[in-house]
Amino acid sequence: MKSPKSTAVQNILADTNTRYIKRLYQDNDPSLSRETQKSTKYIDAFWPHVADEITSDPDKLGLSVIVREKNGDTRVNAEDLRMNFISQHNDKNNTREILRLAGVLSSSAVMLRVLNSATGKWLSEFQGSKPKCLLEFDLPREEYVSLRMLLPLKTDAQNPVESNAPTLVMGGTATAISLCWNLINRIPNAYEALCGKPVSQAEAKKIWAASRELLFTFGAGSLAAFVSFVSACSENTDELIWDGTQDLTLTRVNDRYVWHMNNSMIDRYNEIHGRVINAQKNEYSGCAALYTKAAPLPLNSKWATPASGQQSVFSELLRWVGAIADKQYFSKLI
């Protein structure tokens, strides 16, 4: 049985983005600009709370977060979660896999909790007789492209997703973080399939660097490509590990690593993309949250790469994931 053909992810995304970029310049619709401006205001109001959560972490990385419980506040720490996972899965025959999973699961879980905590504190600014945040809380789905595209895919009778300010800022942000960690999680097995040996720390970092370049394609492109790709990776992007990433493979061209989708994943991508096109009536589908300008996060310089030039929310999310991955994942590869 022949292996399924694969196509470079960057080529598929470029094709998708090109279609929407053309639509953007052809339409020149003032409503698109208004959509972007409104979404940007919400991101601008939310972002400082993410920075505050990182500052409150002793490691200055967002590796711990205070969780409010009935018996009092508890600080949840990624390193504690990592060690607990290792102790509960003490399989000497699979040490590498356990260490890798421990780093991915603990780090991504705490990062998502940090976002939830930041969202909760931002939410309080909408409340009271004199709310600090004067933006609308309940949002009409049809006026925001990210809500129009994401909610129909994430809502069902058992789990309705509300159309409001937290959904607007959290939906894509949390999904972007999960996407990063799932690519990192896929690196060792994809490398071993390509090279026939375990990945070294140096090679894993090279693959992450190539992955980061690929992810910037989303930040500069369309939400349609983002939605289609993550949906092809998992039917439920709220899960920490996405089964569909097993259909991602690696090639190496001139010492540069390139991610590919196999035919099965391409079919899933195209199916979702077709649904997106139909739902959006073939209109331009950009997303302000992907490229909104943002102040650099106050990340520990020991682990984080320096912020350079004008940062965006997307580039800062990548810098944040990269810093935590250096400390909690790459440095522990054996």
Protein backbone atom coordinates (compact mmCIF):
# COMPACT_ATOMS: atom_id res chain seq x y z
CA MET A 1 0.00 0.00 0.00
CA LYS A 2 1.47 3.32 -1.06
CA SER A 3 1.90 6.07 1.50
CA PRO A 4 -0.47 8.99 0.94
CA LYS A 5 0.99 11.93 -0.90
CA SER A 6 1.65 15.04 1.16
CA THR A 7 1.69 18.71 0.38
CA ALA A 8 3.66 21.43 2.18
CA VAL A 9 1.45 23.21 4.69
CA GLN A 10 2.96 26.56 3.74
CA ASN A 11 1.81 26.13 0.13
CA ILE A 12 -1.75 25.29 1.12
CA LEU A 13 -1.95 28.25 3.50
CA ALA A 14 -0.40 30.58 0.92
CA ASP A 15 -3.03 29.55 -1.61
CA THR A 16 -5.83 30.21 0.90
CA ASN A 17 -4.39 33.54 2.00
CA THR A 18 -3.86 34.73 -1.58
CA ARG A 19 -7.56 34.32 -2.33
CA TYR A 20 -8.58 36.47 0.61
CA ILE A 21 -5.88 39.08 0.11
CA LYS A 22 -7.21 39.59 -3.42
CA ARG A 23 -10.72 39.94 -2.05
CA LEU A 24 -9.54 42.51 0.48
CA TYR A 25 -8.03 44.81 -2.13
CA GLN A 26 -10.86 44.30 -4.61
CA ASP A 27 -13.68 44.94 -2.16
CA ASN A 28 -12.26 47.92 -0.27
CA ASP A 29 -15.37 47.67 1.91
CA PRO A 30 -15.50 50.30 4.71
CA SER A 31 -17.35 47.81 6.94
CA LEU A 32 -14.25 45.60 6.97
CA SER A 33 -12.23 48.46 8.42
CA ARG A 34 -14.88 49.12 11.07
CA GLU A 35 -14.88 45.43 12.03
CA THR A 36 -11.13 45.47 12.46
CA GLN A 37 -11.18 48.66 14.54
CA LYS A 38 -13.87 47.31 16.89
CA SER A 39 -12.07 43.99 17.41
CA THR A 40 -8.79 45.80 18.06
CA LYS A 41 -10.35 47.81 20.90
CA TYR A 42 -11.27 44.60 22.70
CA ILE A 43 -7.79 43.13 22.29
CA ASP A 44 -6.23 46.38 23.52
CA ALA A 45 -8.41 46.30 26.65
CA PHE A 46 -7.69 42.63 27.37
CA TRP A 47 -3.95 42.42 26.68
CA PRO A 48 -2.68 44.27 29.82
CA HIS A 49 -4.35 41.62 31.98
CA VAL A 50 -2.26 38.91 30.29
CA ALA A 51 0.88 40.95 31.01
CA ASP A 52 -0.18 41.34 34.66
CA GLU A 53 -0.60 37.58 35.04
CA ILE A 54 2.91 36.98 33.68
CA THR A 55 4.36 39.65 35.99
CA SER A 56 2.72 38.00 39.02
CA ASP A 57 4.43 34.67 38.23
CA PRO A 58 7.69 34.29 40.22
CA ASP A 59 9.43 32.99 37.07
CA LYS A 60 8.03 35.90 35.00
CA LEU A 61 6.91 33.44 32.34
CA GLY A 62 3.29 32.73 33.16
CA LEU A 63 4.25 29.30 34.47
CA SER A 64 2.00 29.59 37.49
CA VAL A 65 -1.38 31.13 38.21
CA ILE A 66 -3.60 31.65 41.23
CA VAL A 67 -6.80 29.62 41.03
CA ARG A 68 -9.69 30.55 43.30
CA GLU A 69 -11.30 27.58 45.04
CA LYS A 70 -13.85 27.10 47.83
CA ASN A 71 -11.12 26.50 50.40
CA GLY A 72 -9.07 29.51 49.31
CA ASP A 73 -6.66 30.56 46.61
CA THR A 74 -4.16 28.05 45.24
CA ARG A 75 -1.19 28.74 42.98
CA VAL A 76 -1.09 26.16 40.20
CA ASN A 77 2.48 25.65 38.98
CA ALA A 78 3.46 24.08 35.65
CA GLU A 79 6.54 22.41 37.14
CA ASP A 80 4.43 20.73 39.83
CA LEU A 81 2.01 19.48 37.18
CA ARG A 82 4.93 18.22 35.09
CA MET A 83 6.45 16.27 37.96
CA ASN A 84 3.07 14.86 39.01
CA PHE A 85 2.50 13.58 35.48
CA ILE A 86 5.92 11.94 35.42
CA SER A 87 5.38 10.26 38.80
CA GLN A 88 1.98 8.92 37.71
CA HIS A 89 3.37 7.53 34.44
CA ASN A 90 6.61 6.03 35.67
CA ASP A 91 7.21 3.70 32.72
CA LYS A 92 10.94 3.08 32.32
CA ASN A 93 10.37 1.66 28.84
CA ASN A 94 8.91 4.92 27.57
CA THR A 95 10.80 7.62 29.46
CA ARG A 96 11.30 9.93 26.47
CA GLU A 97 7.62 10.02 25.56
CA ILE A 98 6.53 10.60 29.17
CA LEU A 99 8.97 13.49 29.64
CA ARG A 100 7.83 15.10 26.39
CA LEU A 101 4.13 14.74 27.18
CA ALA A 102 4.68 16.03 30.72
CA GLY A 103 6.27 19.21 29.36
CA VAL A 104 3.59 19.80 26.73
CA LEU A 105 0.54 19.05 28.86
CA SER A 106 1.66 20.94 31.97
CA SER A 107 2.81 24.01 30.05
CA SER A 108 -0.19 24.32 27.76
CA ALA A 109 -2.63 23.69 30.63
CA VAL A 110 -1.13 26.47 32.76
CA MET A 111 -0.90 28.92 29.85
CA LEU A 112 -4.61 28.40 29.19
CA ARG A 113 -5.35 28.92 32.88
CA VAL A 114 -3.37 32.15 32.76
CA LEU A 115 -5.56 33.32 29.88
CA ASN A 116 -8.68 32.30 31.80
CA SER A 117 -7.51 34.22 34.86
CA ALA A 118 -6.74 37.30 32.75
CA THR A 119 -10.18 37.02 31.15
CA GLY A 120 -11.86 36.76 34.56
CA LYS A 121 -10.17 39.93 35.78
CA TRP A 122 -11.02 41.74 32.55
CA LEU A 123 -14.61 40.53 32.91
CA SER A 124 -14.90 42.31 36.27
CA GLU A 125 -14.24 45.60 34.47
CA PHE A 126 -17.57 45.24 32.67
CA GLN A 127 -19.49 44.89 35.93
CA GLY A 128 -20.82 47.24 38.59
CA SER A 129 -22.72 50.51 38.44
CA LYS A 130 -19.65 52.28 37.05
CA PRO A 131 -17.87 49.72 34.83
CA LYS A 132 -14.22 50.44 34.10
CA CYS A 133 -14.48 48.98 30.60
CA LEU A 134 -17.05 50.83 28.51
CA LEU A 135 -17.04 48.43 25.57
CA GLU A 136 -20.15 46.36 24.87
CA PHE A 137 -20.14 42.98 26.60
CA ASP A 138 -22.75 41.10 24.56
CA LEU A 139 -21.81 41.17 20.90
CA PRO A 140 -23.86 40.54 17.75
CA ARG A 141 -22.16 37.62 16.06
CA GLU A 142 -22.76 38.91 12.55
CA GLU A 143 -20.69 42.06 13.20
CA TYR A 144 -17.44 40.25 14.08
CA VAL A 145 -15.76 37.98 11.57
CA SER A 146 -14.08 35.78 14.20
CA LEU A 147 -17.42 35.13 15.91
CA ARG A 148 -19.15 34.47 12.60
CA MET A 149 -16.53 31.90 11.68
CA LEU A 150 -15.70 30.25 14.99
CA LEU A 151 -19.06 29.99 16.74
CA PRO A 152 -20.88 27.87 14.15
CA LEU A 153 -18.03 25.33 14.37
CA LYS A 154 -17.87 25.29 18.18
CA THR A 155 -21.54 25.51 19.17
CA ASP A 156 -23.96 22.63 19.60
CA ALA A 157 -27.09 21.96 21.63
CA GLN A 158 -25.13 20.56 24.59
CA ASN A 159 -22.34 23.16 24.59
CA PRO A 160 -23.60 26.54 23.42
CA VAL A 161 -20.89 29.20 23.08
CA GLU A 162 -21.95 32.73 23.92
CA SER A 163 -21.31 35.68 21.66
CA ASN A 164 -19.63 38.13 24.01
CA ALA A 165 -16.39 39.98 24.72
CA PRO A 166 -14.51 37.08 26.41
CA THR A 167 -15.41 34.76 23.53
CA LEU A 168 -14.11 37.33 21.05
CA VAL A 169 -10.65 37.57 22.62
CA MET A 170 -10.28 34.05 24.03
CA GLY A 171 -11.46 31.87 21.15
CA GLY A 172 -8.60 32.43 18.75
CA THR A 173 -6.00 33.24 21.42
CA ALA A 174 -6.39 29.96 23.31
CA THR A 175 -6.59 28.00 20.07
CA ALA A 176 -3.37 29.59 18.80
CA ILE A 177 -1.53 28.53 21.97
CA SER A 178 -2.86 24.97 21.69
CA LEU A 179 -1.80 24.85 18.04
CA CYS A 180 1.77 25.82 19.00
CA TRP A 181 2.01 23.12 21.65
CA ASN A 182 0.57 20.47 19.37
CA LEU A 183 3.19 21.24 16.73
CA ILE A 184 5.88 21.02 19.42
CA ASN A 185 4.40 17.72 20.59
CA ARG A 186 4.51 16.36 17.05
CA ILE A 187 8.20 17.23 16.48
CA PRO A 188 9.85 14.11 18.01
CA ASN A 189 7.75 11.50 16.21
CA ALA A 190 7.79 13.39 12.90
CA TYR A 191 11.59 13.75 13.12
CA GLU A 192 12.10 10.08 13.98
CA ALA A 193 9.90 9.07 11.03
CA LEU A 194 12.06 11.25 8.78
CA CYS A 195 15.53 10.47 10.14
CA GLY A 196 15.16 7.13 11.89
CA LYS A 197 16.58 8.35 15.20
CA PRO A 198 15.43 10.37 18.25
CA VAL A 199 15.45 14.13 17.86
CA SER A 200 18.19 16.08 19.62
CA GLN A 201 17.57 19.31 21.48
CA ALA A 202 19.35 21.27 18.74
CA GLU A 203 17.30 19.74 15.92
CA ALA A 204 14.05 20.12 17.87
CA LYS A 205 14.76 23.83 18.21
CA LYS A 206 15.44 24.07 14.46
CA ILE A 207 12.08 22.47 13.73
CA TRP A 208 10.35 24.83 16.16
CA ALA A 209 12.01 27.79 14.42
CA ALA A 210 10.61 26.55 11.09
CA SER A 211 7.23 25.98 12.74
CA ARG A 212 7.25 29.52 14.08
CA GLU A 213 7.81 30.86 10.57
CA LEU A 214 4.88 28.77 9.37
CA LEU A 215 2.66 30.06 12.17
CA PHE A 216 3.44 33.65 11.17
CA THR A 217 1.61 32.81 7.95
CA PHE A 218 -1.59 32.87 10.00
CA GLY A 219 -0.71 36.16 11.64
CA ALA A 220 -0.27 37.80 8.25
CA GLY A 221 -3.11 36.03 6.51
CA SER A 222 -6.72 35.07 6.83
CA LEU A 223 -8.78 33.63 9.62
CA ALA A 224 -10.14 31.15 7.07
CA ALA A 225 -6.74 29.44 6.83
CA PHE A 226 -6.41 29.39 10.62
CA VAL A 227 -9.88 27.89 11.19
CA SER A 228 -9.43 25.33 8.42
CA PHE A 229 -6.02 24.19 9.63
CA VAL A 230 -6.80 23.84 13.33
CA SER A 231 -10.09 22.10 12.51
CA ALA A 232 -8.14 19.65 10.34
CA CYS A 233 -5.89 19.02 13.35
CA SER A 234 -8.77 18.28 15.73
CA GLU A 235 -12.55 18.07 15.82
CA ASN A 236 -12.37 19.45 19.36
CA THR A 237 -9.70 22.12 19.72
CA ASP A 238 -10.49 22.45 23.45
CA GLU A 239 -8.56 19.21 23.99
CA LEU A 240 -4.88 19.61 24.87
CA ILE A 241 -3.64 16.94 22.41
CA TRP A 242 -4.98 16.99 18.84
CA ASP A 243 -5.12 13.57 17.20
CA GLY A 244 -5.18 14.99 13.68
CA THR A 245 -1.61 16.27 13.98
CA GLN A 246 -0.48 12.67 13.42
CA ASP A 247 -1.14 13.39 9.75
CA LEU A 248 1.60 16.05 9.75
CA THR A 249 5.00 14.92 8.49
CA LEU A 250 8.39 16.54 8.03
CA THR A 251 10.76 16.88 5.11
CA ARG A 252 14.13 18.61 5.04
CA VAL A 253 15.15 20.90 2.21
CA ASN A 254 18.62 22.50 2.33
CA ASP A 255 18.84 21.99 6.10
CA ARG A 256 15.41 23.58 6.55
CA TYR A 257 12.49 21.62 7.94
CA VAL A 258 9.11 21.77 6.21
CA TRP A 259 5.77 20.52 7.54
CA HIS A 260 3.49 18.57 5.19
CA MET A 261 -0.12 17.36 5.35
CA ASN A 262 -1.02 13.92 4.05
CA ASN A 263 -4.07 13.40 1.83
CA SER A 264 -6.39 12.67 4.73
CA MET A 265 -5.56 15.96 6.42
CA ILE A 266 -5.80 17.88 3.16
CA ASP A 267 -9.30 16.49 2.66
CA ARG A 268 -10.30 17.64 6.15
CA TYR A 269 -8.78 21.08 5.52
CA ASN A 270 -10.62 21.49 2.22
CA GLU A 271 -13.92 20.31 3.69
CA ILE A 272 -13.77 22.87 6.51
CA HIS A 273 -12.55 25.60 4.17
CA GLY A 274 -15.49 24.93 1.86
CA ARG A 275 -17.87 25.35 4.77
CA VAL A 276 -16.16 28.61 5.73
CA ILE A 277 -16.44 29.99 2.19
CA ASN A 278 -20.14 29.12 2.03
CA ALA A 279 -20.87 30.61 5.45
CA GLN A 280 -19.01 33.83 4.65
CA LYS A 281 -20.50 34.09 1.14
CA ASN A 282 -16.96 34.24 -0.29
CA GLU A 283 -16.28 37.59 1.37
CA TYR A 284 -12.90 38.59 2.77
CA SER A 285 -12.32 36.90 6.10
CA GLY A 286 -9.51 38.61 7.97
CA CYS A 287 -9.16 38.73 11.73
CA ALA A 288 -7.88 41.72 13.66
CA ALA A 289 -6.90 39.56 16.62
CA LEU A 290 -4.22 37.86 14.54
CA TYR A 291 -2.31 41.03 13.74
CA THR A 292 -3.37 43.65 16.30
CA LYS A 293 -0.37 45.63 17.56
CA ALA A 294 0.56 44.72 21.12
CA ALA A 295 2.99 45.78 23.81
CA PRO A 296 5.69 43.15 24.41
CA LEU A 297 4.86 40.75 27.23
CA PRO A 298 7.14 41.13 30.31
CA LEU A 299 8.82 37.76 29.80
CA ASN A 300 11.95 36.57 31.62
CA SER A 301 14.89 37.48 29.36
CA LYS A 302 16.73 34.31 30.38
CA TRP A 303 14.29 32.26 28.31
CA ALA A 304 12.49 34.66 25.99
CA THR A 305 13.91 36.03 22.77
CA PRO A 306 14.07 39.85 22.77
CA ALA A 307 11.06 41.61 21.31
CA SER A 308 12.09 43.39 18.12
CA GLY A 309 10.23 45.96 16.08
CA GLN A 310 6.47 46.37 16.27
CA GLN A 311 4.98 43.36 18.02
CA SER A 312 1.55 41.87 17.35
CA VAL A 313 -0.64 39.73 19.58
CA PHE A 314 0.23 36.72 17.44
CA SER A 315 3.98 37.31 17.50
CA GLU A 316 3.87 37.80 21.28
CA LEU A 317 1.94 34.57 21.77
CA LEU A 318 4.66 32.79 19.78
CA ARG A 319 7.38 34.46 21.84
CA TRP A 320 5.58 33.41 25.03
CA VAL A 321 5.19 29.78 23.94
CA GLY A 322 8.82 29.71 22.78
CA ALA A 323 10.11 30.96 26.13
CA ILE A 324 8.15 28.37 28.11
CA ALA A 325 9.08 25.62 25.65
CA ASP A 326 12.77 26.44 26.11
CA LYS A 327 12.48 26.10 29.88
CA GLN A 328 9.96 23.28 30.24
CA TYR A 329 10.42 21.22 27.08
CA PHE A 330 13.52 21.61 24.92
CA SER A 331 15.90 21.83 27.88
CA LYS A 332 14.56 18.50 29.16
CA LEU A 333 14.83 16.48 25.96
CA ILE A 334 17.02 13.41 26.45
